[in-house]
Amino acid sequence: MQKSQLTITGEYITLGQFLKLAEIISSGGMARAYLAEYSVFVNGEEENRRGRKIYPKDQVEVPGVGLYFIRAEEETCD
């Protein structure tokens, strides 16, 4: 299984946004249909709500696609 890190810029993203950012779906409108047809696991628990909040340090597993570790974007000090 492919393991990847995905960096987010805000406090969280939704599961639908994650699927688009990870290039699993091509548009946010496809999230509901994708989650109805395929299993997605957030921190080991099956999740089908496209609005589910994904935070840094969460893990998202998409069987047949990969395991993603979510991290926050490093802030730079000027």
C-alpha atoms as a PDB file:
ATOM      1  CA  MET A   1       0.000   0.000   0.000  1.00  0.00           C
ATOM      2  CA  GLN A   2       1.289   3.416  -0.933  1.00  0.00           C
ATOM      3  CA  LYS A   3       1.962   5.724   2.036  1.00  0.00           C
ATOM      4  CA  SER A   4       1.915   9.484   1.514  1.00  0.00           C
ATOM      5  CA  GLN A   5       1.920  12.699   3.487  1.00  0.00           C
ATOM      6  CA  LEU A   6      -0.614  15.366   2.665  1.00  0.00           C
ATOM      7  CA  THR A   7      -0.029  18.899   3.931  1.00  0.00           C
ATOM      8  CA  ILE A   8      -2.968  21.171   4.740  1.00  0.00           C
ATOM      9  CA  THR A   9      -2.786  24.925   5.253  1.00  0.00           C
ATOM     10  CA  GLY A  10      -5.744  25.537   7.574  1.00  0.00           C
ATOM     11  CA  GLU A  11      -6.853  24.068  10.875  1.00  0.00           C
ATOM     12  CA  TYR A  12      -8.674  21.237   9.059  1.00  0.00           C
ATOM     13  CA  ILE A  13     -10.133  20.164   5.722  1.00  0.00           C
ATOM     14  CA  THR A  14     -13.250  18.126   5.027  1.00  0.00           C
ATOM     15  CA  LEU A  15     -13.109  14.567   3.757  1.00  0.00           C
ATOM     16  CA  GLY A  16     -14.516  15.773   0.429  1.00  0.00           C
ATOM     17  CA  GLN A  17     -11.724  18.354   0.145  1.00  0.00           C
ATOM     18  CA  PHE A  18      -9.178  15.681   1.071  1.00  0.00           C
ATOM     19  CA  LEU A  19     -10.375  13.382  -1.731  1.00  0.00           C
ATOM     20  CA  LYS A  20      -9.956  16.192  -4.254  1.00  0.00           C
ATOM     21  CA  LEU A  21      -6.590  17.361  -2.867  1.00  0.00           C
ATOM     22  CA  ALA A  22      -5.266  13.784  -2.953  1.00  0.00           C
ATOM     23  CA  GLU A  23      -6.477  13.573  -6.581  1.00  0.00           C
ATOM     24  CA  ILE A  24      -8.733  10.602  -5.842  1.00  0.00           C
ATOM     25  CA  ILE A  25     -11.689  12.470  -7.357  1.00  0.00           C
ATOM     26  CA  SER A  26     -11.563  15.260  -9.932  1.00  0.00           C
ATOM     27  CA  SER A  27     -14.170  17.576  -8.407  1.00  0.00           C
ATOM     28  CA  GLY A  28     -15.692  18.173  -4.998  1.00  0.00           C
ATOM     29  CA  GLY A  29     -19.116  17.286  -6.362  1.00  0.00           C
ATOM     30  CA  MET A  30     -17.992  13.684  -6.827  1.00  0.00           C
ATOM     31  CA  ALA A  31     -17.310  13.171  -3.089  1.00  0.00           C
ATOM     32  CA  ARG A  32     -20.783  11.976  -2.108  1.00  0.00           C
ATOM     33  CA  ALA A  33     -20.951   9.401  -4.915  1.00  0.00           C
ATOM     34  CA  TYR A  34     -17.400   8.186  -4.226  1.00  0.00           C
ATOM     35  CA  LEU A  35     -18.088   7.724  -0.504  1.00  0.00           C
ATOM     36  CA  ALA A  36     -21.335   5.875  -1.272  1.00  0.00           C
ATOM     37  CA  GLU A  37     -19.484   3.398  -3.473  1.00  0.00           C
ATOM     38  CA  TYR A  38     -16.059   3.020  -1.812  1.00  0.00           C
ATOM     39  CA  SER A  39     -14.830   2.596   1.751  1.00  0.00           C
ATOM     40  CA  VAL A  40     -12.649   5.288   3.305  1.00  0.00           C
ATOM     41  CA  PHE A  41     -11.193   5.038   6.801  1.00  0.00           C
ATOM     42  CA  VAL A  42     -10.244   7.963   9.028  1.00  0.00           C
ATOM     43  CA  ASN A  43      -8.053   6.942  11.956  1.00  0.00           C
ATOM     44  CA  GLY A  44      -9.082   3.323  11.428  1.00  0.00           C
ATOM     45  CA  GLU A  45     -12.853   3.940  11.417  1.00  0.00           C
ATOM     46  CA  GLU A  46     -14.975   3.748   8.279  1.00  0.00           C
ATOM     47  CA  GLU A  47     -16.265   7.170   7.300  1.00  0.00           C
ATOM     48  CA  ASN A  48     -18.846   8.133   4.679  1.00  0.00           C
ATOM     49  CA  ARG A  49     -19.573  11.785   5.558  1.00  0.00           C
ATOM     50  CA  ARG A  50     -17.965  14.135   3.046  1.00  0.00           C
ATOM     51  CA  GLY A  51     -18.087  16.912   5.667  1.00  0.00           C
ATOM     52  CA  ARG A  52     -16.011  14.923   8.188  1.00  0.00           C
ATOM     53  CA  LYS A  53     -13.220  17.186   9.450  1.00  0.00           C
ATOM     54  CA  ILE A  54      -9.684  15.953   8.866  1.00  0.00           C
ATOM     55  CA  TYR A  55      -7.033  17.446  11.148  1.00  0.00           C
ATOM     56  CA  PRO A  56      -3.224  17.343  11.154  1.00  0.00           C
ATOM     57  CA  LYS A  57      -1.977  14.012  12.580  1.00  0.00           C
ATOM     58  CA  ASP A  58      -5.069  12.174  11.265  1.00  0.00           C
ATOM     59  CA  GLN A  59      -4.622   9.155   9.009  1.00  0.00           C
ATOM     60  CA  VAL A  60      -6.858   8.537   6.013  1.00  0.00           C
ATOM     61  CA  GLU A  61      -6.835   5.139   4.341  1.00  0.00           C
ATOM     62  CA  VAL A  62      -8.372   4.669   0.922  1.00  0.00           C
ATOM     63  CA  PRO A  63      -8.190   0.927   0.140  1.00  0.00           C
ATOM     64  CA  GLY A  64      -6.596   0.278  -3.225  1.00  0.00           C
ATOM     65  CA  VAL A  65      -5.225   3.838  -3.339  1.00  0.00           C
ATOM     66  CA  GLY A  66      -3.082   4.459  -0.275  1.00  0.00           C
ATOM     67  CA  LEU A  67      -2.609   5.542   3.317  1.00  0.00           C
ATOM     68  CA  TYR A  68      -2.273   9.274   3.896  1.00  0.00           C
ATOM     69  CA  PHE A  69      -0.773  10.998   6.923  1.00  0.00           C
ATOM     70  CA  ILE A  70      -2.123  14.521   7.332  1.00  0.00           C
ATOM     71  CA  ARG A  71       0.253  17.227   8.484  1.00  0.00           C
ATOM     72  CA  ALA A  72       0.021  20.972   9.013  1.00  0.00           C
ATOM     73  CA  GLU A  73       1.920  23.385   6.845  1.00  0.00           C
ATOM     74  CA  GLU A  74       4.956  24.717   8.689  1.00  0.00           C
ATOM     75  CA  GLU A  75       4.595  28.397   9.471  1.00  0.00           C
ATOM     76  CA  THR A  76       7.594  30.559   8.706  1.00  0.00           C
ATOM     77  CA  CYS A  77       8.725  33.440  10.927  1.00  0.00           C
ATOM     78  CA  ASP A  78       9.873  36.624   9.207  1.00  0.00           C
END
